Amino acid sequence: MYVKLLSERRLLAKRDDVSVIVEIGPEWAEVLVAEQRNPDFLRAAANNELEAQFAGTVSPAFRKVEWAPFLKLVARPGSDKSCIFRTTFLASHKS
């Protein structure tokens, strides 16, 4: 699987012959995309050392743990705003 940032709030996630375009609404305060495992980026994106250590950790199968690209969305709703945060997933199968 790989993730490619297409623009500031749009990315492509692809695995085998299936791809998903993710469009992140402007309501999100921060959009962080970890395309590759980069310890400096993970530390900068995390709230603490424990989060940085496990960011991107997935279990694709029983007793198997590995790292995968990920998307971190941060919300900071104001008291005068509604709590609606939009993220759109557009999936397509290779034709």
PDB file of N, CA and C in Angstrom:
ATOM      1  N   MET A   1       0.845  -1.174   0.000  1.00  0.00           N
ATOM      2  CA  MET A   1       0.000   0.000   0.000  1.00  0.00           C
ATOM      3  C   MET A   1       0.889   1.235   0.000  1.00  0.00           C
ATOM      4  N   TYR A   2       0.427   2.261  -0.714  1.00  0.00           N
ATOM      5  CA  TYR A   2       1.138   3.513  -0.633  1.00  0.00           C
ATOM      6  C   TYR A   2       0.146   4.670  -0.607  1.00  0.00           C
ATOM      7  N   VAL A   3       0.596   5.800  -0.093  1.00  0.00           N
ATOM      8  CA  VAL A   3      -0.208   7.008  -0.006  1.00  0.00           C
ATOM      9  C   VAL A   3       0.575   8.124  -0.678  1.00  0.00           C
ATOM     10  N   LYS A   4      -0.108   8.903  -1.495  1.00  0.00           N
ATOM     11  CA  LYS A   4       0.531  10.021  -2.189  1.00  0.00           C
ATOM     12  C   LYS A   4      -0.314  11.267  -1.980  1.00  0.00           C
ATOM     13  N   LEU A   5       0.313  12.323  -1.509  1.00  0.00           N
ATOM     14  CA  LEU A   5      -0.363  13.597  -1.311  1.00  0.00           C
ATOM     15  C   LEU A   5      -0.522  14.262  -2.676  1.00  0.00           C
ATOM     16  N   LEU A   6      -1.766  14.536  -3.073  1.00  0.00           N
ATOM     17  CA  LEU A   6      -2.040  15.155  -4.370  1.00  0.00           C
ATOM     18  C   LEU A   6      -2.089  16.678  -4.265  1.00  0.00           C
ATOM     19  N   SER A   7      -2.598  17.161  -3.157  1.00  0.00           N
ATOM     20  CA  SER A   7      -2.619  18.588  -2.845  1.00  0.00           C
ATOM     21  C   SER A   7      -2.712  18.710  -1.328  1.00  0.00           C
ATOM     22  N   GLU A   8      -2.858  19.919  -0.829  1.00  0.00           N
ATOM     23  CA  GLU A   8      -2.840  20.127   0.624  1.00  0.00           C
ATOM     24  C   GLU A   8      -3.902  19.309   1.354  1.00  0.00           C
ATOM     25  N   ARG A   9      -5.063  19.124   0.764  1.00  0.00           N
ATOM     26  CA  ARG A   9      -6.162  18.415   1.414  1.00  0.00           C
ATOM     27  C   ARG A   9      -6.769  17.323   0.540  1.00  0.00           C
ATOM     28  N   ARG A  10      -5.928  16.705  -0.268  1.00  0.00           N
ATOM     29  CA  ARG A  10      -6.389  15.623  -1.143  1.00  0.00           C
ATOM     30  C   ARG A  10      -5.248  14.620  -1.288  1.00  0.00           C
ATOM     31  N   LEU A  11      -5.549  13.334  -1.102  1.00  0.00           N
ATOM     32  CA  LEU A  11      -4.516  12.317  -1.225  1.00  0.00           C
ATOM     33  C   LEU A  11      -5.063  11.072  -1.891  1.00  0.00           C
ATOM     34  N   LEU A  12      -4.152  10.267  -2.384  1.00  0.00           N
ATOM     35  CA  LEU A  12      -4.477   9.010  -3.038  1.00  0.00           C
ATOM     36  C   LEU A  12      -3.887   7.879  -2.214  1.00  0.00           C
ATOM     37  N   ALA A  13      -4.727   6.912  -1.873  1.00  0.00           N
ATOM     38  CA  ALA A  13      -4.264   5.693  -1.213  1.00  0.00           C
ATOM     39  C   ALA A  13      -4.494   4.553  -2.197  1.00  0.00           C
ATOM     40  N   LYS A  14      -3.461   3.737  -2.405  1.00  0.00           N
ATOM     41  CA  LYS A  14      -3.567   2.682  -3.406  1.00  0.00           C
ATOM     42  C   LYS A  14      -2.982   1.386  -2.863  1.00  0.00           C
ATOM     43  N   ARG A  15      -3.711   0.309  -3.138  1.00  0.00           N
ATOM     44  CA  ARG A  15      -3.231  -1.028  -2.766  1.00  0.00           C
ATOM     45  C   ARG A  15      -3.695  -1.991  -3.843  1.00  0.00           C
ATOM     46  N   ASP A  16      -2.761  -2.715  -4.393  1.00  0.00           N
ATOM     47  CA  ASP A  16      -3.036  -3.631  -5.498  1.00  0.00           C
ATOM     48  C   ASP A  16      -3.748  -2.866  -6.616  1.00  0.00           C
ATOM     49  N   ASP A  17      -4.946  -3.293  -7.004  1.00  0.00           N
ATOM     50  CA  ASP A  17      -5.643  -2.627  -8.108  1.00  0.00           C
ATOM     51  C   ASP A  17      -6.812  -1.751  -7.637  1.00  0.00           C
ATOM     52  N   VAL A  18      -6.822  -1.408  -6.354  1.00  0.00           N
ATOM     53  CA  VAL A  18      -7.879  -0.562  -5.806  1.00  0.00           C
ATOM     54  C   VAL A  18      -7.265   0.738  -5.293  1.00  0.00           C
ATOM     55  N   SER A  19      -7.909   1.850  -5.625  1.00  0.00           N
ATOM     56  CA  SER A  19      -7.422   3.135  -5.141  1.00  0.00           C
ATOM     57  C   SER A  19      -8.565   3.923  -4.499  1.00  0.00           C
ATOM     58  N   VAL A  20      -8.200   4.783  -3.562  1.00  0.00           N
ATOM     59  CA  VAL A  20      -9.158   5.639  -2.877  1.00  0.00           C
ATOM     60  C   VAL A  20      -8.589   7.048  -2.860  1.00  0.00           C
ATOM     61  N   ILE A  21      -9.385   8.005  -3.298  1.00  0.00           N
ATOM     62  CA  ILE A  21      -9.003   9.407  -3.175  1.00  0.00           C
ATOM     63  C   ILE A  21      -9.702   9.938  -1.937  1.00  0.00           C
ATOM     64  N   VAL A  22      -8.940  10.585  -1.076  1.00  0.00           N
ATOM     65  CA  VAL A  22      -9.476  11.138   0.164  1.00  0.00           C
ATOM     66  C   VAL A  22      -9.409  12.655   0.062  1.00  0.00           C
ATOM     67  N   GLU A  23     -10.565  13.292   0.233  1.00  0.00           N
ATOM     68  CA  GLU A  23     -10.654  14.747   0.214  1.00  0.00           C
ATOM     69  C   GLU A  23     -11.025  15.216   1.611  1.00  0.00           C
ATOM     70  N   ILE A  24     -10.192  16.065   2.195  1.00  0.00           N
ATOM     71  CA  ILE A  24     -10.363  16.524   3.575  1.00  0.00           C
ATOM     72  C   ILE A  24     -10.945  17.927   3.562  1.00  0.00           C
ATOM     73  N   GLY A  25     -12.062  18.100   4.261  1.00  0.00           N
ATOM     74  CA  GLY A  25     -12.739  19.393   4.304  1.00  0.00           C
ATOM     75  C   GLY A  25     -11.922  20.453   5.023  1.00  0.00           C
ATOM     76  N   PRO A  26     -12.230  21.730   4.768  1.00  0.00           N
ATOM     77  CA  PRO A  26     -11.496  22.845   5.369  1.00  0.00           C
ATOM     78  C   PRO A  26     -11.762  23.014   6.864  1.00  0.00           C
ATOM     79  N   GLU A  27     -12.733  22.273   7.402  1.00  0.00           N
ATOM     80  CA  GLU A  27     -13.064  22.373   8.821  1.00  0.00           C
ATOM     81  C   GLU A  27     -11.967  21.813   9.726  1.00  0.00           C
ATOM     82  N   TRP A  28     -11.154  20.912   9.183  1.00  0.00           N
ATOM     83  CA  TRP A  28     -10.076  20.305   9.965  1.00  0.00           C
ATOM     84  C   TRP A  28      -8.961  21.324  10.175  1.00  0.00           C
ATOM     85  N   ALA A  29      -8.494  21.460  11.411  1.00  0.00           N
ATOM     86  CA  ALA A  29      -7.448  22.426  11.736  1.00  0.00           C
ATOM     87  C   ALA A  29      -6.089  21.998  11.190  1.00  0.00           C
ATOM     88  N   GLU A  30      -5.803  20.703  11.257  1.00  0.00           N
ATOM     89  CA  GLU A  30      -4.520  20.188  10.775  1.00  0.00           C
ATOM     90  C   GLU A  30      -4.737  18.908   9.984  1.00  0.00           C
ATOM     91  N   VAL A  31      -3.981  18.754   8.934  1.00  0.00           N
ATOM     92  CA  VAL A  31      -3.994  17.537   8.124  1.00  0.00           C
ATOM     93  C   VAL A  31      -2.548  17.079   8.006  1.00  0.00           C
ATOM     94  N   LEU A  32      -2.254  15.902   8.554  1.00  0.00           N
ATOM     95  CA  LEU A  32      -0.896  15.359   8.502  1.00  0.00           C
ATOM     96  C   LEU A  32      -0.932  14.014   7.788  1.00  0.00           C
ATOM     97  N   VAL A  33      -0.100  13.861   6.784  1.00  0.00           N
ATOM     98  CA  VAL A  33      -0.039  12.621   6.012  1.00  0.00           C
ATOM     99  C   VAL A  33       1.351  12.037   6.151  1.00  0.00           C
ATOM    100  N   ALA A  34       1.420  10.826   6.675  1.00  0.00           N
ATOM    101  CA  ALA A  34       2.697  10.116   6.787  1.00  0.00           C
ATOM    102  C   ALA A  34       2.778   9.155   5.608  1.00  0.00           C
ATOM    103  N   GLU A  35       3.454   9.584   4.546  1.00  0.00           N
ATOM    104  CA  GLU A  35       3.594   8.756   3.350  1.00  0.00           C
ATOM    105  C   GLU A  35       4.641   7.664   3.546  1.00  0.00           C
ATOM    106  N   GLN A  36       5.682   7.996   4.307  1.00  0.00           N
ATOM    107  CA  GLN A  36       6.765   7.056   4.576  1.00  0.00           C
ATOM    108  C   GLN A  36       7.100   7.117   6.064  1.00  0.00           C
ATOM    109  N   ARG A  37       7.748   6.097   6.537  1.00  0.00           N
ATOM    110  CA  ARG A  37       8.144   6.065   7.948  1.00  0.00           C
ATOM    111  C   ARG A  37       9.350   6.979   8.141  1.00  0.00           C
ATOM    112  N   ASN A  38       9.117   8.094   8.805  1.00  0.00           N
ATOM    113  CA  ASN A  38      10.146   9.091   9.055  1.00  0.00           C
ATOM    114  C   ASN A  38      10.080   9.472  10.534  1.00  0.00           C
ATOM    115  N   PRO A  39      11.016   9.002  11.359  1.00  0.00           N
ATOM    116  CA  PRO A  39      10.962   9.251  12.803  1.00  0.00           C
ATOM    117  C   PRO A  39      10.866  10.735  13.163  1.00  0.00           C
ATOM    118  N   ASP A  40      11.552  11.606  12.438  1.00  0.00           N
ATOM    119  CA  ASP A  40      11.482  13.038  12.735  1.00  0.00           C
ATOM    120  C   ASP A  40      10.080  13.583  12.498  1.00  0.00           C
ATOM    121  N   PHE A  41       9.461  13.193  11.385  1.00  0.00           N
ATOM    122  CA  PHE A  41       8.099  13.629  11.085  1.00  0.00           C
ATOM    123  C   PHE A  41       7.129  13.092  12.127  1.00  0.00           C
ATOM    124  N   LEU A  42       7.290  11.817  12.501  1.00  0.00           N
ATOM    125  CA  LEU A  42       6.382  11.209  13.474  1.00  0.00           C
ATOM    126  C   LEU A  42       6.470  11.900  14.829  1.00  0.00           C
ATOM    127  N   ARG A  43       7.675  12.252  15.254  1.00  0.00           N
ATOM    128  CA  ARG A  43       7.833  12.973  16.533  1.00  0.00           C
ATOM    129  C   ARG A  43       7.197  14.357  16.458  1.00  0.00           C
ATOM    130  N   ALA A  44       7.384  15.046  15.342  1.00  0.00           N
ATOM    131  CA  ALA A  44       6.826  16.393  15.179  1.00  0.00           C
ATOM    132  C   ALA A  44       5.298  16.354  15.113  1.00  0.00           C
ATOM    133  N   ALA A  45       4.733  15.291  14.552  1.00  0.00           N
ATOM    134  CA  ALA A  45       3.286  15.186  14.394  1.00  0.00           C
ATOM    135  C   ALA A  45       2.580  14.678  15.645  1.00  0.00           C
ATOM    136  N   ALA A  46       3.314  14.069  16.554  1.00  0.00           N
ATOM    137  CA  ALA A  46       2.713  13.447  17.739  1.00  0.00           C
ATOM    138  C   ALA A  46       2.563  14.430  18.895  1.00  0.00           C
ATOM    139  N   ASN A  47       1.641  14.081  19.785  1.00  0.00           N
ATOM    140  CA  ASN A  47       1.430  14.871  21.003  1.00  0.00           C
ATOM    141  C   ASN A  47       2.403  14.482  22.106  1.00  0.00           C
ATOM    142  N   ASN A  48       2.942  13.261  22.022  1.00  0.00           N
ATOM    143  CA  ASN A  48       3.882  12.788  23.034  1.00  0.00           C
ATOM    144  C   ASN A  48       4.745  11.674  22.434  1.00  0.00           C
ATOM    145  N   GLU A  49       5.727  11.237  23.178  1.00  0.00           N
ATOM    146  CA  GLU A  49       6.680  10.236  22.684  1.00  0.00           C
ATOM    147  C   GLU A  49       6.013   8.883  22.433  1.00  0.00           C
ATOM    148  N   LEU A  50       5.038   8.528  23.273  1.00  0.00           N
ATOM    149  CA  LEU A  50       4.348   7.250  23.105  1.00  0.00           C
ATOM    150  C   LEU A  50       3.556   7.240  21.792  1.00  0.00           C
ATOM    151  N   GLU A  51       2.876   8.339  21.503  1.00  0.00           N
ATOM    152  CA  GLU A  51       2.141   8.438  20.240  1.00  0.00           C
ATOM    153  C   GLU A  51       3.103   8.362  19.059  1.00  0.00           C
ATOM    154  N   ALA A  52       4.233   9.020  19.146  1.00  0.00           N
ATOM    155  CA  ALA A  52       5.227   8.986  18.071  1.00  0.00           C
ATOM    156  C   ALA A  52       5.756   7.570  17.863  1.00  0.00           C
ATOM    157  N   GLN A  53       5.939   6.837  18.947  1.00  0.00           N
ATOM    158  CA  GLN A  53       6.480   5.475  18.865  1.00  0.00           C
ATOM    159  C   GLN A  53       5.529   4.540  18.119  1.00  0.00           C
ATOM    160  N   PHE A  54       4.214   4.711  18.333  1.00  0.00           N
ATOM    161  CA  PHE A  54       3.248   3.778  17.754  1.00  0.00           C
ATOM    162  C   PHE A  54       2.467   4.338  16.569  1.00  0.00           C
ATOM    163  N   ALA A  55       2.748   5.552  16.139  1.00  0.00           N
ATOM    164  CA  ALA A  55       2.035   6.145  15.007  1.00  0.00           C
ATOM    165  C   ALA A  55       2.234   5.300  13.760  1.00  0.00           C
ATOM    166  N   GLY A  56       1.140   4.925  13.131  1.00  0.00           N
ATOM    167  CA  GLY A  56       1.206   4.114  11.921  1.00  0.00           C
ATOM    168  C   GLY A  56       1.286   2.622  12.156  1.00  0.00           C
ATOM    169  N   THR A  57       1.237   2.186  13.399  1.00  0.00           N
ATOM    170  CA  THR A  57       1.303   0.755  13.703  1.00  0.00           C
ATOM    171  C   THR A  57      -0.039   0.104  13.396  1.00  0.00           C
ATOM    172  N   VAL A  58      -0.012  -0.930  12.571  1.00  0.00           N
ATOM    173  CA  VAL A  58      -1.225  -1.652  12.197  1.00  0.00           C
ATOM    174  C   VAL A  58      -1.008  -3.147  12.380  1.00  0.00           C
ATOM    175  N   SER A  59      -2.115  -3.882  12.411  1.00  0.00           N
ATOM    176  CA  SER A  59      -2.050  -5.333  12.497  1.00  0.00           C
ATOM    177  C   SER A  59      -2.862  -5.902  11.332  1.00  0.00           C
ATOM    178  N   PRO A  60      -2.198  -6.198  10.214  1.00  0.00           N
ATOM    179  CA  PRO A  60      -2.919  -6.705   9.042  1.00  0.00           C
ATOM    180  C   PRO A  60      -3.379  -8.155   9.184  1.00  0.00           C
ATOM    181  N   ALA A  61      -2.829  -8.859  10.158  1.00  0.00           N
ATOM    182  CA  ALA A  61      -3.199 -10.252  10.388  1.00  0.00           C
ATOM    183  C   ALA A  61      -2.893 -10.603  11.840  1.00  0.00           C
ATOM    184  N   PHE A  62      -3.483 -11.674  12.318  1.00  0.00           N
ATOM    185  CA  PHE A  62      -3.277 -12.108  13.701  1.00  0.00           C
ATOM    186  C   PHE A  62      -1.789 -12.294  14.003  1.00  0.00           C
ATOM    187  N   ARG A  63      -1.341 -11.693  15.079  1.00  0.00           N
ATOM    188  CA  ARG A  63       0.046 -11.756  15.553  1.00  0.00           C
ATOM    189  C   ARG A  63       1.054 -11.128  14.588  1.00  0.00           C
ATOM    190  N   LYS A  64       0.587 -10.264  13.726  1.00  0.00           N
ATOM    191  CA  LYS A  64       1.483  -9.578  12.806  1.00  0.00           C
ATOM    192  C   LYS A  64       1.323  -8.075  13.022  1.00  0.00           C
ATOM    193  N   VAL A  65       2.430  -7.393  13.215  1.00  0.00           N
ATOM    194  CA  VAL A  65       2.412  -5.949  13.426  1.00  0.00           C
ATOM    195  C   VAL A  65       3.418  -5.316  12.477  1.00  0.00           C
ATOM    196  N   GLU A  66       2.988  -4.262  11.802  1.00  0.00           N
ATOM    197  CA  GLU A  66       3.883  -3.551  10.901  1.00  0.00           C
ATOM    198  C   GLU A  66       3.471  -2.090  10.819  1.00  0.00           C
ATOM    199  N   TRP A  67       4.261  -1.314  10.106  1.00  0.00           N
ATOM    200  CA  TRP A  67       3.976   0.105   9.932  1.00  0.00           C
ATOM    201  C   TRP A  67       3.249   0.300   8.608  1.00  0.00           C
ATOM    202  N   ALA A  68       2.336   1.284   8.568  1.00  0.00           N
ATOM    203  CA  ALA A  68       1.628   1.617   7.328  1.00  0.00           C
ATOM    204  C   ALA A  68       1.465   3.127   7.233  1.00  0.00           C
ATOM    205  N   PRO A  69       1.358   3.658   6.016  1.00  0.00           N
ATOM    206  CA  PRO A  69       1.100   5.091   5.861  1.00  0.00           C
ATOM    207  C   PRO A  69      -0.214   5.444   6.555  1.00  0.00           C
ATOM    208  N   PHE A  70      -0.325   6.688   7.039  1.00  0.00           N
ATOM    209  CA  PHE A  70      -1.556   7.062   7.730  1.00  0.00           C
ATOM    210  C   PHE A  70      -1.857   8.540   7.572  1.00  0.00           C
ATOM    211  N   LEU A  71      -3.082   8.881   7.918  1.00  0.00           N
ATOM    212  CA  LEU A  71      -3.599  10.238   7.868  1.00  0.00           C
ATOM    213  C   LEU A  71      -4.024  10.621   9.277  1.00  0.00           C
ATOM    214  N   LYS A  72      -3.550  11.768   9.759  1.00  0.00           N
ATOM    215  CA  LYS A  72      -3.941  12.260  11.075  1.00  0.00           C
ATOM    216  C   LYS A  72      -4.689  13.575  10.877  1.00  0.00           C
ATOM    217  N   LEU A  73      -5.949  13.604  11.327  1.00  0.00           N
ATOM    218  CA  LEU A  73      -6.772  14.797  11.242  1.00  0.00           C
ATOM    219  C   LEU A  73      -6.964  15.354  12.643  1.00  0.00           C
ATOM    220  N   VAL A  74      -6.725  16.665  12.799  1.00  0.00           N
ATOM    221  CA  VAL A  74      -6.846  17.320  14.100  1.00  0.00           C
ATOM    222  C   VAL A  74      -7.983  18.332  14.023  1.00  0.00           C
ATOM    223  N   ALA A  75      -8.911  18.245  14.982  1.00  0.00           N
ATOM    224  CA  ALA A  75     -10.041  19.171  15.034  1.00  0.00           C
ATOM    225  C   ALA A  75      -9.878  20.119  16.210  1.00  0.00           C
ATOM    226  N   ARG A  76     -10.213  21.367  15.981  1.00  0.00           N
ATOM    227  CA  ARG A  76     -10.223  22.363  17.047  1.00  0.00           C
ATOM    228  C   ARG A  76     -11.490  23.201  16.910  1.00  0.00           C
ATOM    229  N   PRO A  77     -12.639  22.609  17.275  1.00  0.00           N
ATOM    230  CA  PRO A  77     -13.888  23.354  17.101  1.00  0.00           C
ATOM    231  C   PRO A  77     -13.964  24.542  18.057  1.00  0.00           C
ATOM    232  N   GLY A  78     -14.421  25.658  17.538  1.00  0.00           N
ATOM    233  CA  GLY A  78     -14.627  26.846  18.358  1.00  0.00           C
ATOM    234  C   GLY A  78     -16.012  26.806  18.969  1.00  0.00           C
ATOM    235  N   SER A  79     -16.234  27.591  19.980  1.00  0.00           N
ATOM    236  CA  SER A  79     -17.534  27.591  20.650  1.00  0.00           C
ATOM    237  C   SER A  79     -18.637  28.148  19.753  1.00  0.00           C
ATOM    238  N   ASP A  80     -18.274  28.949  18.748  1.00  0.00           N
ATOM    239  CA  ASP A  80     -19.261  29.534  17.854  1.00  0.00           C
ATOM    240  C   ASP A  80     -19.456  28.740  16.563  1.00  0.00           C
ATOM    241  N   LYS A  81     -18.777  27.602  16.428  1.00  0.00           N
ATOM    242  CA  LYS A  81     -18.878  26.807  15.206  1.00  0.00           C
ATOM    243  C   LYS A  81     -19.543  25.466  15.494  1.00  0.00           C
ATOM    244  N   SER A  82     -20.164  24.915  14.480  1.00  0.00           N
ATOM    245  CA  SER A  82     -20.736  23.580  14.621  1.00  0.00           C
ATOM    246  C   SER A  82     -19.605  22.550  14.595  1.00  0.00           C
ATOM    247  N   CYS A  83     -19.893  21.375  15.055  1.00  0.00           N
ATOM    248  CA  CYS A  83     -18.885  20.313  15.101  1.00  0.00           C
ATOM    249  C   CYS A  83     -19.078  19.361  13.925  1.00  0.00           C
ATOM    250  N   ILE A  84     -19.005  19.901  12.739  1.00  0.00           N
ATOM    251  CA  ILE A  84     -19.110  19.094  11.528  1.00  0.00           C
ATOM    252  C   ILE A  84     -17.756  19.113  10.841  1.00  0.00           C
ATOM    253  N   PHE A  85     -17.182  17.930  10.684  1.00  0.00           N
ATOM    254  CA  PHE A  85     -15.889  17.781  10.036  1.00  0.00           C
ATOM    255  C   PHE A  85     -16.066  16.811   8.882  1.00  0.00           C
ATOM    256  N   ARG A  86     -15.721  17.232   7.692  1.00  0.00           N
ATOM    257  CA  ARG A  86     -16.006  16.455   6.499  1.00  0.00           C
ATOM    258  C   ARG A  86     -14.738  15.832   5.920  1.00  0.00           C
ATOM    259  N   THR A  87     -14.853  14.540   5.604  1.00  0.00           N
ATOM    260  CA  THR A  87     -13.814  13.819   4.890  1.00  0.00           C
ATOM    261  C   THR A  87     -14.521  12.924   3.887  1.00  0.00           C
ATOM    262  N   THR A  88     -14.145  12.995   2.620  1.00  0.00           N
ATOM    263  CA  THR A  88     -14.810  12.236   1.570  1.00  0.00           C
ATOM    264  C   THR A  88     -13.860  11.174   1.039  1.00  0.00           C
ATOM    265  N   PHE A  89     -14.375   9.957   0.875  1.00  0.00           N
ATOM    266  CA  PHE A  89     -13.601   8.846   0.347  1.00  0.00           C
ATOM    267  C   PHE A  89     -14.218   8.424  -0.986  1.00  0.00           C
ATOM    268  N   LEU A  90     -13.451   8.497  -2.056  1.00  0.00           N
ATOM    269  CA  LEU A  90     -13.927   8.118  -3.390  1.00  0.00           C
ATOM    270  C   LEU A  90     -13.132   6.892  -3.843  1.00  0.00           C
ATOM    271  N   ALA A  91     -13.772   5.735  -3.804  1.00  0.00           N
ATOM    272  CA  ALA A  91     -13.083   4.495  -4.132  1.00  0.00           C
ATOM    273  C   ALA A  91     -13.286   4.136  -5.600  1.00  0.00           C
ATOM    274  N   SER A  92     -12.264   3.512  -6.175  1.00  0.00           N
ATOM    275  CA  SER A  92     -12.398   3.022  -7.554  1.00  0.00           C
ATOM    276  C   SER A  92     -11.596   1.744  -7.723  1.00  0.00           C
ATOM    277  N   HIS A  93     -12.125   0.882  -8.530  1.00  0.00           N
ATOM    278  CA  HIS A  93     -11.464  -0.378  -8.847  1.00  0.00           C
ATOM    279  C   HIS A  93     -10.865  -0.225 -10.242  1.00  0.00           C
ATOM    280  N   LYS A  94      -9.683  -0.735 -10.423  1.00  0.00           N
ATOM    281  CA  LYS A  94      -9.028  -0.623 -11.732  1.00  0.00           C
ATOM    282  C   LYS A  94      -9.895  -1.284 -12.795  1.00  0.00           C
ATOM    283  N   SER A  95     -10.140  -0.552 -13.878  1.00  0.00           N
ATOM    284  CA  SER A  95     -10.991  -1.113 -14.939  1.00  0.00           C
ATOM    285  C   SER A  95     -10.195  -1.758 -16.045  1.00  0.00           C
TER     286      SER A  95
END
